[in-house]
């Protein structure tokens, strides 16, 4: 059995146990048992941020949160970019979605430049456009490659098996994964 808390991990075997505990924790972080646990976490997070805002300079905290939020949004398409690269195919990628990303990011970034928005907005807008155009380049480069690379076939089969656990009536009473938001 694996250690359930950080203290148990340290007591049971030092750094290797802590590393394993941390991997398990990060893998299962969003696997909430109930909606109430999720709401409790969000409430605790909100209270923690509020406390930090009172203790330290709130302006610095707001800048950090804003930069993290912008950076996260700027990288939303990275998983699609990496998946396309790994598979050497854009099969399954919605071209309409990519087109709306490009148009929306073009308008948004242009708006930021015209208004003279702060640097982090300009930077993240340019990152988004770069990722969008890289995906467009992949669509062009992989246009004749309709069969994904063999390495992704195992993942696709695994995903199909996992999806069957949720849709198979025999498995409906005991899903393989707890509730997730």
N, C-alpha and C. Protein backbone atom coordinates (compact mmCIF):
# COMPACT_ATOMS: atom_id res chain seq x y z
N UNK A 1 0.85 -1.19 0.00
CA UNK A 1 0.00 0.00 0.00
C UNK A 1 0.89 1.24 0.00
N UNK A 2 0.45 2.23 -0.74
CA UNK A 2 1.22 3.47 -0.82
C UNK A 2 0.87 4.40 0.33
N UNK A 3 1.81 5.26 0.67
CA UNK A 3 1.59 6.22 1.75
C UNK A 3 0.46 7.17 1.38
N UNK A 4 -0.42 7.50 2.31
CA UNK A 4 -1.57 8.36 2.05
C UNK A 4 -1.27 9.82 2.33
N UNK A 5 -0.31 10.13 3.17
CA UNK A 5 0.01 11.52 3.49
C UNK A 5 1.51 11.74 3.30
N UNK A 6 1.88 13.00 3.18
CA UNK A 6 3.29 13.35 3.02
C UNK A 6 4.09 12.88 4.23
N UNK A 7 3.55 13.03 5.44
CA UNK A 7 4.26 12.61 6.64
C UNK A 7 4.51 11.11 6.63
N UNK A 8 3.52 10.32 6.20
CA UNK A 8 3.70 8.88 6.12
C UNK A 8 4.76 8.53 5.08
N UNK A 9 4.80 9.27 3.98
CA UNK A 9 5.79 9.00 2.93
C UNK A 9 7.20 9.24 3.45
N UNK A 10 7.39 10.35 4.17
CA UNK A 10 8.72 10.66 4.72
C UNK A 10 9.12 9.61 5.74
N UNK A 11 8.19 9.23 6.60
CA UNK A 11 8.48 8.26 7.65
C UNK A 11 8.77 6.87 7.07
N UNK A 12 8.14 6.53 5.94
CA UNK A 12 8.28 5.17 5.42
C UNK A 12 9.50 4.95 4.54
N UNK A 13 10.13 5.98 4.03
CA UNK A 13 11.26 5.67 3.18
C UNK A 13 11.99 6.85 2.58
N UNK A 14 11.77 8.01 3.05
CA UNK A 14 12.55 9.14 2.60
C UNK A 14 12.12 9.70 1.25
N UNK A 15 13.13 10.18 0.50
CA UNK A 15 12.87 10.93 -0.72
C UNK A 15 12.17 10.11 -1.81
N UNK A 16 12.52 8.86 -1.97
CA UNK A 16 11.87 8.05 -3.01
C UNK A 16 10.39 7.89 -2.73
N UNK A 17 10.04 7.66 -1.47
CA UNK A 17 8.63 7.55 -1.10
C UNK A 17 7.90 8.87 -1.30
N UNK A 18 8.56 9.97 -1.01
CA UNK A 18 7.96 11.28 -1.22
C UNK A 18 7.73 11.52 -2.71
N UNK A 19 8.70 11.13 -3.54
CA UNK A 19 8.55 11.29 -4.99
C UNK A 19 7.36 10.49 -5.50
N UNK A 20 7.22 9.24 -5.06
CA UNK A 20 6.10 8.39 -5.47
C UNK A 20 4.78 8.99 -4.99
N UNK A 21 4.77 9.47 -3.73
CA UNK A 21 3.56 10.08 -3.19
C UNK A 21 3.17 11.30 -4.02
N UNK A 22 4.16 12.11 -4.39
CA UNK A 22 3.89 13.32 -5.16
C UNK A 22 3.33 12.97 -6.54
N UNK A 23 3.88 11.94 -7.18
CA UNK A 23 3.37 11.50 -8.49
C UNK A 23 1.91 11.06 -8.37
N UNK A 24 1.62 10.26 -7.34
CA UNK A 24 0.24 9.80 -7.13
C UNK A 24 -0.68 10.99 -6.87
N UNK A 25 -0.21 11.92 -6.04
CA UNK A 25 -1.02 13.09 -5.69
C UNK A 25 -1.34 13.92 -6.93
N UNK A 26 -0.34 14.18 -7.77
CA UNK A 26 -0.56 15.00 -8.96
C UNK A 26 -1.46 14.26 -9.97
N UNK A 27 -1.30 12.94 -10.10
CA UNK A 27 -2.11 12.18 -11.04
C UNK A 27 -3.58 12.19 -10.63
N UNK A 28 -3.84 12.11 -9.33
CA UNK A 28 -5.20 12.00 -8.83
C UNK A 28 -5.77 13.31 -8.29
N UNK A 29 -5.08 14.43 -8.52
CA UNK A 29 -5.46 15.69 -7.89
C UNK A 29 -6.91 16.08 -8.19
N UNK A 30 -7.33 15.96 -9.45
CA UNK A 30 -8.69 16.37 -9.80
C UNK A 30 -9.70 15.24 -9.70
N UNK A 31 -9.32 14.08 -9.22
CA UNK A 31 -10.23 12.94 -9.09
C UNK A 31 -10.99 13.02 -7.77
N UNK A 32 -11.94 13.93 -7.67
CA UNK A 32 -12.69 14.14 -6.45
C UNK A 32 -13.68 12.99 -6.24
N UNK A 33 -13.85 12.59 -4.98
CA UNK A 33 -14.81 11.53 -4.66
C UNK A 33 -16.25 12.02 -4.79
N UNK A 34 -16.48 13.28 -4.39
CA UNK A 34 -17.83 13.84 -4.46
C UNK A 34 -17.73 15.30 -4.88
N UNK A 35 -18.86 15.85 -5.28
CA UNK A 35 -18.91 17.26 -5.64
C UNK A 35 -18.63 18.12 -4.40
N UNK A 36 -19.06 17.67 -3.23
CA UNK A 36 -18.83 18.42 -1.99
C UNK A 36 -17.34 18.58 -1.71
N UNK A 37 -16.53 17.56 -1.98
CA UNK A 37 -15.08 17.67 -1.80
C UNK A 37 -14.50 18.73 -2.74
N UNK A 38 -15.00 18.76 -3.97
CA UNK A 38 -14.54 19.75 -4.94
C UNK A 38 -14.89 21.17 -4.46
N UNK A 39 -16.14 21.37 -4.02
CA UNK A 39 -16.57 22.68 -3.53
C UNK A 39 -15.74 23.09 -2.31
N UNK A 40 -15.47 22.13 -1.43
CA UNK A 40 -14.65 22.41 -0.25
C UNK A 40 -13.24 22.86 -0.66
N UNK A 41 -12.65 22.20 -1.67
CA UNK A 41 -11.33 22.60 -2.14
C UNK A 41 -11.36 24.02 -2.70
N UNK A 42 -12.35 24.32 -3.55
CA UNK A 42 -12.44 25.66 -4.14
C UNK A 42 -12.60 26.71 -3.05
N UNK A 43 -13.43 26.43 -2.06
CA UNK A 43 -13.61 27.36 -0.94
C UNK A 43 -12.29 27.56 -0.19
N UNK A 44 -11.58 26.46 0.09
CA UNK A 44 -10.29 26.56 0.78
C UNK A 44 -9.27 27.34 -0.03
N UNK A 45 -9.26 27.11 -1.35
CA UNK A 45 -8.35 27.85 -2.22
C UNK A 45 -8.67 29.34 -2.19
N UNK A 46 -9.95 29.67 -2.28
CA UNK A 46 -10.38 31.06 -2.23
C UNK A 46 -9.95 31.72 -0.92
N UNK A 47 -10.17 31.04 0.20
CA UNK A 47 -9.78 31.59 1.51
C UNK A 47 -8.26 31.77 1.61
N UNK A 48 -7.50 30.82 1.06
CA UNK A 48 -6.04 30.92 1.07
C UNK A 48 -5.58 32.13 0.27
N UNK A 49 -6.14 32.33 -0.90
CA UNK A 49 -5.76 33.48 -1.73
C UNK A 49 -6.15 34.78 -1.04
N UNK A 50 -7.31 34.80 -0.42
CA UNK A 50 -7.74 35.99 0.32
C UNK A 50 -6.78 36.31 1.46
N UNK A 51 -6.36 35.29 2.19
CA UNK A 51 -5.41 35.48 3.30
C UNK A 51 -4.08 36.00 2.78
N UNK A 52 -3.60 35.42 1.69
CA UNK A 52 -2.33 35.87 1.12
C UNK A 52 -2.45 37.32 0.66
N UNK A 53 -3.60 37.68 0.08
CA UNK A 53 -3.80 39.06 -0.39
C UNK A 53 -3.77 40.04 0.77
N UNK A 54 -4.24 39.63 1.94
CA UNK A 54 -4.23 40.51 3.11
C UNK A 54 -2.82 40.62 3.67
N UNK A 55 -2.07 39.49 3.68
CA UNK A 55 -0.75 39.46 4.29
C UNK A 55 0.30 40.16 3.44
N UNK A 56 0.32 39.88 2.13
CA UNK A 56 1.32 40.52 1.27
C UNK A 56 0.65 41.61 0.44
N UNK A 57 1.46 42.31 -0.30
CA UNK A 57 0.97 43.36 -1.17
C UNK A 57 0.00 42.78 -2.20
N UNK A 58 -1.25 43.17 -2.14
CA UNK A 58 -2.28 42.61 -3.01
C UNK A 58 -1.97 42.86 -4.49
N UNK A 59 -1.37 43.99 -4.81
CA UNK A 59 -1.08 44.30 -6.21
C UNK A 59 -0.13 43.27 -6.81
N UNK A 60 0.88 42.85 -6.05
CA UNK A 60 1.83 41.85 -6.52
C UNK A 60 1.11 40.52 -6.74
N UNK A 61 0.26 40.14 -5.80
CA UNK A 61 -0.50 38.90 -5.92
C UNK A 61 -1.38 38.93 -7.17
N UNK A 62 -2.05 40.03 -7.41
CA UNK A 62 -2.93 40.14 -8.57
C UNK A 62 -2.14 40.04 -9.87
N UNK A 63 -0.97 40.63 -9.90
CA UNK A 63 -0.12 40.53 -11.10
C UNK A 63 0.31 39.09 -11.35
N UNK A 64 0.68 38.39 -10.28
CA UNK A 64 1.10 36.99 -10.42
C UNK A 64 -0.06 36.13 -10.90
N UNK A 65 -1.23 36.28 -10.29
CA UNK A 65 -2.41 35.50 -10.69
C UNK A 65 -2.78 35.82 -12.14
N UNK A 66 -2.73 37.09 -12.50
CA UNK A 66 -3.05 37.49 -13.87
C UNK A 66 -2.08 36.90 -14.89
N UNK A 67 -0.79 36.91 -14.56
CA UNK A 67 0.21 36.36 -15.47
C UNK A 67 0.04 34.85 -15.62
N UNK A 68 -0.24 34.16 -14.51
CA UNK A 68 -0.48 32.71 -14.58
C UNK A 68 -1.71 32.42 -15.43
N UNK A 69 -2.77 33.20 -15.24
CA UNK A 69 -4.00 33.01 -16.02
C UNK A 69 -3.76 33.26 -17.51
N UNK A 70 -3.08 34.34 -17.83
CA UNK A 70 -2.79 34.64 -19.23
C UNK A 70 -1.89 33.57 -19.86
N UNK A 71 -0.88 33.14 -19.11
CA UNK A 71 0.02 32.11 -19.62
C UNK A 71 -0.70 30.80 -19.85
N UNK A 72 -1.61 30.46 -18.95
CA UNK A 72 -2.39 29.23 -19.11
C UNK A 72 -3.26 29.32 -20.36
N UNK A 73 -3.94 30.44 -20.52
CA UNK A 73 -4.79 30.61 -21.70
C UNK A 73 -3.97 30.60 -22.99
N UNK A 74 -2.79 31.19 -22.94
CA UNK A 74 -1.95 31.25 -24.13
C UNK A 74 -1.52 29.86 -24.60
N UNK A 75 -1.46 28.92 -23.68
CA UNK A 75 -0.96 27.58 -24.01
C UNK A 75 -2.07 26.54 -24.16
N UNK A 76 -3.32 26.96 -24.26
CA UNK A 76 -4.43 26.01 -24.36
C UNK A 76 -4.33 25.08 -25.56
N UNK A 77 -3.77 25.53 -26.65
CA UNK A 77 -3.71 24.70 -27.86
C UNK A 77 -2.46 23.83 -27.94
N UNK A 78 -1.56 23.95 -26.97
CA UNK A 78 -0.32 23.17 -27.00
C UNK A 78 -0.58 21.66 -27.02
N UNK A 79 -1.52 21.12 -26.23
CA UNK A 79 -1.76 19.68 -26.33
C UNK A 79 -2.15 19.22 -27.74
N UNK A 80 -2.94 20.02 -28.44
CA UNK A 80 -3.31 19.66 -29.82
C UNK A 80 -2.09 19.72 -30.73
N UNK A 81 -1.26 20.73 -30.55
CA UNK A 81 -0.04 20.87 -31.34
C UNK A 81 0.87 19.66 -31.13
N UNK A 82 1.06 19.26 -29.88
CA UNK A 82 1.94 18.12 -29.57
C UNK A 82 1.33 16.80 -30.07
N UNK A 83 0.02 16.66 -29.94
CA UNK A 83 -0.65 15.43 -30.42
C UNK A 83 -0.49 15.30 -31.94
N UNK A 84 -0.70 16.40 -32.64
CA UNK A 84 -0.53 16.37 -34.10
C UNK A 84 0.90 15.99 -34.47
N UNK A 85 1.86 16.58 -33.77
CA UNK A 85 3.27 16.30 -34.06
C UNK A 85 3.60 14.84 -33.79
N UNK A 86 3.13 14.33 -32.66
CA UNK A 86 3.41 12.94 -32.28
C UNK A 86 2.80 11.97 -33.29
N UNK A 87 1.59 12.26 -33.73
CA UNK A 87 0.88 11.37 -34.65
C UNK A 87 1.25 11.61 -36.12
N UNK A 88 1.89 12.75 -36.40
CA UNK A 88 2.19 13.15 -37.77
C UNK A 88 0.90 13.18 -38.60
N UNK A 89 -0.16 13.63 -37.96
CA UNK A 89 -1.47 13.69 -38.60
C UNK A 89 -2.34 14.69 -37.84
N UNK A 90 -3.28 15.31 -38.56
CA UNK A 90 -4.25 16.18 -37.91
C UNK A 90 -5.64 15.56 -37.96
N UNK A 91 -5.70 14.26 -38.20
CA UNK A 91 -6.98 13.56 -38.23
C UNK A 91 -7.67 13.72 -36.88
N UNK A 92 -8.94 14.09 -36.91
CA UNK A 92 -9.70 14.31 -35.69
C UNK A 92 -9.64 15.75 -35.20
N UNK A 93 -8.77 16.55 -35.78
CA UNK A 93 -8.64 17.95 -35.40
C UNK A 93 -9.71 18.75 -36.16
N UNK A 94 -10.47 19.56 -35.45
CA UNK A 94 -11.53 20.35 -36.08
C UNK A 94 -10.92 21.58 -36.73
N UNK A 95 -10.99 21.63 -38.05
CA UNK A 95 -10.44 22.77 -38.78
C UNK A 95 -11.24 24.04 -38.49
N UNK A 96 -12.54 23.89 -38.26
CA UNK A 96 -13.37 25.05 -37.91
C UNK A 96 -12.92 25.62 -36.56
N UNK A 97 -12.60 24.76 -35.61
CA UNK A 97 -12.13 25.22 -34.32
C UNK A 97 -10.80 25.97 -34.46
N UNK A 98 -9.89 25.42 -35.24
CA UNK A 98 -8.60 26.07 -35.45
C UNK A 98 -8.80 27.43 -36.13
N UNK A 99 -9.70 27.48 -37.10
CA UNK A 99 -9.97 28.75 -37.79
C UNK A 99 -10.52 29.80 -36.82
N UNK A 100 -11.41 29.38 -35.92
CA UNK A 100 -11.94 30.35 -34.95
C UNK A 100 -10.87 30.77 -33.95
N UNK A 101 -9.96 29.85 -33.60
CA UNK A 101 -8.83 30.24 -32.74
C UNK A 101 -8.02 31.34 -33.41
N UNK A 102 -7.67 31.11 -34.68
CA UNK A 102 -6.83 32.06 -35.41
C UNK A 102 -7.52 33.42 -35.51
N UNK A 103 -8.78 33.43 -35.95
CA UNK A 103 -9.50 34.69 -36.12
C UNK A 103 -9.65 35.40 -34.77
N UNK A 104 -10.08 34.66 -33.75
CA UNK A 104 -10.25 35.27 -32.43
C UNK A 104 -8.95 35.81 -31.87
N UNK A 105 -7.88 35.03 -31.99
CA UNK A 105 -6.59 35.49 -31.46
C UNK A 105 -6.02 36.66 -32.26
N UNK A 106 -6.27 36.69 -33.57
CA UNK A 106 -5.85 37.83 -34.38
C UNK A 106 -6.56 39.11 -33.93
N UNK A 107 -7.87 39.04 -33.78
CA UNK A 107 -8.62 40.21 -33.33
C UNK A 107 -8.20 40.63 -31.92
N UNK A 108 -8.06 39.67 -31.02
CA UNK A 108 -7.72 39.98 -29.64
C UNK A 108 -6.33 40.61 -29.55
N UNK A 109 -5.35 40.03 -30.24
CA UNK A 109 -3.99 40.55 -30.17
C UNK A 109 -3.91 41.92 -30.84
N UNK A 110 -4.61 42.09 -31.95
CA UNK A 110 -4.66 43.41 -32.59
C UNK A 110 -5.24 44.45 -31.65
N UNK A 111 -6.30 44.08 -30.96
CA UNK A 111 -6.94 44.96 -29.99
C UNK A 111 -5.95 45.34 -28.89
N UNK A 112 -5.19 44.37 -28.40
CA UNK A 112 -4.20 44.66 -27.36
C UNK A 112 -3.14 45.64 -27.86
N UNK A 113 -2.68 45.46 -29.10
CA UNK A 113 -1.66 46.37 -29.64
C UNK A 113 -2.23 47.77 -29.85
N UNK A 114 -3.44 47.86 -30.39
CA UNK A 114 -4.06 49.16 -30.66
C UNK A 114 -4.28 49.94 -29.37
N UNK A 115 -4.73 49.25 -28.33
CA UNK A 115 -4.99 49.90 -27.05
C UNK A 115 -3.73 50.17 -26.24
N UNK A 116 -2.62 49.56 -26.63
CA UNK A 116 -1.39 49.71 -25.85
C UNK A 116 -1.49 48.98 -24.52
N UNK A 117 -2.04 47.78 -24.55
CA UNK A 117 -2.22 46.98 -23.34
C UNK A 117 -0.87 46.63 -22.72
N UNK A 118 -0.88 46.22 -21.46
CA UNK A 118 0.37 45.83 -20.79
C UNK A 118 1.10 44.71 -21.54
N UNK A 119 2.38 44.65 -21.31
CA UNK A 119 3.26 43.72 -22.05
C UNK A 119 2.80 42.27 -21.98
N UNK A 120 2.34 41.81 -20.78
CA UNK A 120 1.97 40.41 -20.66
C UNK A 120 0.81 40.04 -21.59
N UNK A 121 -0.11 40.97 -21.87
CA UNK A 121 -1.20 40.71 -22.81
C UNK A 121 -0.66 40.56 -24.23
N UNK A 122 0.26 41.45 -24.59
CA UNK A 122 0.85 41.40 -25.92
C UNK A 122 1.64 40.11 -26.11
N UNK A 123 2.44 39.75 -25.10
CA UNK A 123 3.26 38.54 -25.17
C UNK A 123 2.39 37.30 -25.31
N UNK A 124 1.38 37.18 -24.47
CA UNK A 124 0.52 35.99 -24.52
C UNK A 124 -0.29 35.93 -25.81
N UNK A 125 -0.72 37.08 -26.32
CA UNK A 125 -1.41 37.10 -27.61
C UNK A 125 -0.51 36.61 -28.73
N UNK A 126 0.75 37.04 -28.71
CA UNK A 126 1.71 36.59 -29.73
C UNK A 126 2.00 35.10 -29.59
N UNK A 127 2.08 34.61 -28.36
CA UNK A 127 2.29 33.16 -28.14
C UNK A 127 1.11 32.39 -28.71
N UNK A 128 -0.12 32.86 -28.44
CA UNK A 128 -1.30 32.19 -28.96
C UNK A 128 -1.29 32.15 -30.49
N UNK A 129 -0.97 33.27 -31.10
CA UNK A 129 -0.93 33.31 -32.57
C UNK A 129 0.13 32.38 -33.12
N UNK A 130 1.28 32.32 -32.46
CA UNK A 130 2.34 31.42 -32.91
C UNK A 130 1.87 29.97 -32.87
N UNK A 131 1.23 29.58 -31.78
CA UNK A 131 0.73 28.20 -31.66
C UNK A 131 -0.35 27.96 -32.72
N UNK A 132 -1.25 28.93 -32.90
CA UNK A 132 -2.29 28.79 -33.92
C UNK A 132 -1.69 28.57 -35.31
N UNK A 133 -0.69 29.38 -35.66
CA UNK A 133 -0.09 29.25 -36.99
C UNK A 133 0.72 27.96 -37.12
N UNK A 134 1.31 27.49 -36.03
CA UNK A 134 2.00 26.20 -36.08
C UNK A 134 1.00 25.07 -36.35
N UNK A 135 -0.17 25.13 -35.73
CA UNK A 135 -1.20 24.12 -35.99
C UNK A 135 -1.68 24.23 -37.44
N UNK A 136 -1.82 25.44 -37.95
CA UNK A 136 -2.19 25.62 -39.37
C UNK A 136 -1.11 25.02 -40.28
N UNK A 137 0.15 25.21 -39.91
CA UNK A 137 1.24 24.61 -40.69
C UNK A 137 1.17 23.09 -40.64
N UNK A 138 0.82 22.55 -39.47
CA UNK A 138 0.67 21.09 -39.37
C UNK A 138 -0.47 20.61 -40.25
N UNK A 139 -1.56 21.34 -40.29
CA UNK A 139 -2.69 20.95 -41.14
C UNK A 139 -2.23 20.88 -42.60
N UNK A 140 -1.42 21.84 -43.01
CA UNK A 140 -0.91 21.83 -44.39
C UNK A 140 0.10 20.69 -44.58
N UNK A 141 1.05 20.55 -43.65
CA UNK A 141 2.11 19.54 -43.80
C UNK A 141 1.57 18.12 -43.75
N UNK A 142 0.58 17.87 -42.91
CA UNK A 142 0.06 16.52 -42.72
C UNK A 142 -1.23 16.28 -43.50
N UNK A 143 -1.54 17.14 -44.48
CA UNK A 143 -2.82 17.06 -45.19
C UNK A 143 -3.04 15.73 -45.89
N UNK A 144 -1.98 15.07 -46.33
CA UNK A 144 -2.12 13.78 -47.03
C UNK A 144 -1.93 12.59 -46.09
N UNK A 145 -1.61 12.85 -44.85
CA UNK A 145 -1.34 11.78 -43.89
C UNK A 145 -2.60 11.55 -43.05
N UNK A 146 -3.46 10.65 -43.52
CA UNK A 146 -4.74 10.44 -42.83
C UNK A 146 -4.67 9.35 -41.77
N UNK A 147 -3.57 8.61 -41.70
CA UNK A 147 -3.44 7.56 -40.70
C UNK A 147 -2.47 8.00 -39.63
N UNK A 148 -2.94 8.08 -38.36
CA UNK A 148 -2.03 8.50 -37.29
C UNK A 148 -0.86 7.52 -37.15
N UNK A 149 0.21 8.02 -36.56
CA UNK A 149 1.40 7.19 -36.32
C UNK A 149 1.02 6.00 -35.44
N UNK A 150 1.71 4.90 -35.60
CA UNK A 150 1.40 3.67 -34.88
C UNK A 150 1.49 3.84 -33.37
N UNK A 151 2.36 4.73 -32.91
CA UNK A 151 2.52 4.93 -31.46
C UNK A 151 1.24 5.39 -30.81
N UNK A 152 0.41 6.14 -31.55
CA UNK A 152 -0.81 6.65 -30.97
C UNK A 152 -1.95 5.63 -31.02
N UNK A 153 -1.80 4.57 -31.81
CA UNK A 153 -2.85 3.56 -31.89
C UNK A 153 -3.05 2.89 -30.54
N UNK A 154 -1.95 2.63 -29.80
CA UNK A 154 -2.08 2.03 -28.48
C UNK A 154 -2.84 2.95 -27.55
N UNK A 155 -2.56 4.26 -27.62
CA UNK A 155 -3.27 5.23 -26.80
C UNK A 155 -4.74 5.26 -27.17
N UNK A 156 -5.03 5.24 -28.47
CA UNK A 156 -6.42 5.26 -28.91
C UNK A 156 -7.16 4.03 -28.41
N UNK A 157 -6.54 2.87 -28.48
CA UNK A 157 -7.16 1.64 -28.00
C UNK A 157 -7.39 1.73 -26.50
N UNK A 158 -6.40 2.24 -25.77
CA UNK A 158 -6.53 2.38 -24.32
C UNK A 158 -7.66 3.34 -23.97
N UNK A 159 -7.76 4.47 -24.70
CA UNK A 159 -8.83 5.43 -24.45
C UNK A 159 -10.19 4.81 -24.74
N UNK A 160 -10.27 3.99 -25.80
CA UNK A 160 -11.52 3.33 -26.15
C UNK A 160 -11.94 2.37 -25.04
N UNK A 161 -10.99 1.64 -24.50
CA UNK A 161 -11.29 0.70 -23.41
C UNK A 161 -11.74 1.47 -22.17
N UNK A 162 -11.06 2.59 -21.85
CA UNK A 162 -11.45 3.38 -20.70
C UNK A 162 -12.84 3.97 -20.89
N UNK A 163 -13.14 4.44 -22.11
CA UNK A 163 -14.46 5.01 -22.38
C UNK A 163 -15.54 3.95 -22.25
N UNK A 164 -15.23 2.71 -22.62
CA UNK A 164 -16.20 1.63 -22.52
C UNK A 164 -16.59 1.38 -21.06
N UNK A 165 -15.68 1.63 -20.14
CA UNK A 165 -15.98 1.42 -18.73
C UNK A 165 -17.09 2.36 -18.26
N UNK A 166 -17.20 3.55 -18.90
CA UNK A 166 -18.24 4.50 -18.52
C UNK A 166 -19.55 4.24 -19.26
N UNK A 167 -19.50 3.64 -20.45
CA UNK A 167 -20.71 3.46 -21.24
C UNK A 167 -21.28 2.05 -21.15
N UNK A 168 -20.51 1.09 -20.72
CA UNK A 168 -20.97 -0.29 -20.62
C UNK A 168 -21.90 -0.41 -19.41
N UNK A 169 -23.17 -0.83 -19.63
CA UNK A 169 -24.11 -0.92 -18.51
C UNK A 169 -23.61 -1.85 -17.40
N UNK A 170 -22.82 -2.86 -17.75
CA UNK A 170 -22.32 -3.78 -16.72
C UNK A 170 -21.37 -3.08 -15.76
N UNK A 171 -20.69 -2.03 -16.25
CA UNK A 171 -19.74 -1.29 -15.42
C UNK A 171 -20.35 -0.02 -14.83
N UNK A 172 -21.62 0.25 -15.10
CA UNK A 172 -22.23 1.51 -14.71
C UNK A 172 -22.24 1.70 -13.19
N UNK A 173 -22.43 0.61 -12.44
CA UNK A 173 -22.50 0.73 -10.99
C UNK A 173 -21.15 1.03 -10.36
N UNK A 174 -20.06 0.62 -11.00
CA UNK A 174 -18.74 0.86 -10.45
C UNK A 174 -17.83 1.47 -11.50
N UNK A 175 -17.95 2.79 -11.70
CA UNK A 175 -17.08 3.42 -12.69
C UNK A 175 -15.62 3.29 -12.29
N UNK A 176 -14.74 3.30 -13.30
CA UNK A 176 -13.32 3.11 -13.02
C UNK A 176 -12.67 4.35 -12.43
N UNK A 177 -13.36 5.49 -12.45
CA UNK A 177 -12.78 6.71 -11.94
C UNK A 177 -13.82 7.50 -11.16
N UNK A 178 -13.45 8.11 -10.05
CA UNK A 178 -14.42 8.89 -9.28
C UNK A 178 -14.88 10.13 -10.06
N UNK A 179 -15.83 10.83 -9.51
CA UNK A 179 -16.38 12.03 -10.12
C UNK A 179 -15.28 13.06 -10.34
N UNK A 180 -15.31 13.74 -11.47
CA UNK A 180 -14.35 14.81 -11.76
C UNK A 180 -15.12 15.99 -12.29
N UNK A 181 -14.69 17.22 -11.96
CA UNK A 181 -15.38 18.41 -12.47
C UNK A 181 -15.12 18.59 -13.95
